[in-house]
Amino acid sequence: MAKKSTAIQDRRLALIKNLEKVLGPGTRVITYVNGARSFLGQGTGPGTRIGQDAVRLMYDHLAGNEGRCEARLLKVALFLISNGGDTAVPWRIISMIREFAHGSMFLCHTTP
C-alpha cells in the first residue's frame, strides 16, 4: 500500500522538479537537509549533523528501487543544508555522485 503524501511533501517535490528543469535537461536533484534546531530544545546547540549514514541514503536514491543504476545520469545536483558533521562524508558523497553521473553540481545553503 502506497503512503499518502502530505501537502508539504507535494510542495517540496514540486520545488525539486522545478529546480531540475531550471538546471537543465537530464539533471537529477538529490536533497539532504539536516535540522537546524538544537537537540531536544536544550540550549543553542548545533542541531543535527551529517554522518556516515547519509552516504547510503544518497546511494539508495541514486541507484533506484532495485539497488542499481542501469546507465550513468547526465548530471546530479546535490542540494545540501547541514550544520557540519563528519568531515569524511563529503568526500565519499562527491566520489559516489561522480560514479553515477557525467557531471555534478553542489548547491549549499547558508544562513546569514
Foldseek 3Di string as FASTA:
>chain_A
DDDDDDPVVVVVVVVQVVVQVVVHPQEHEDEDAFDQCDDVNDPRDRGDADDPVVQVVVQDVLQDDVSHNPAATAEYEYEYEGSYDDPVVVVSNVVVNVVRHVYYHYHYDDDD
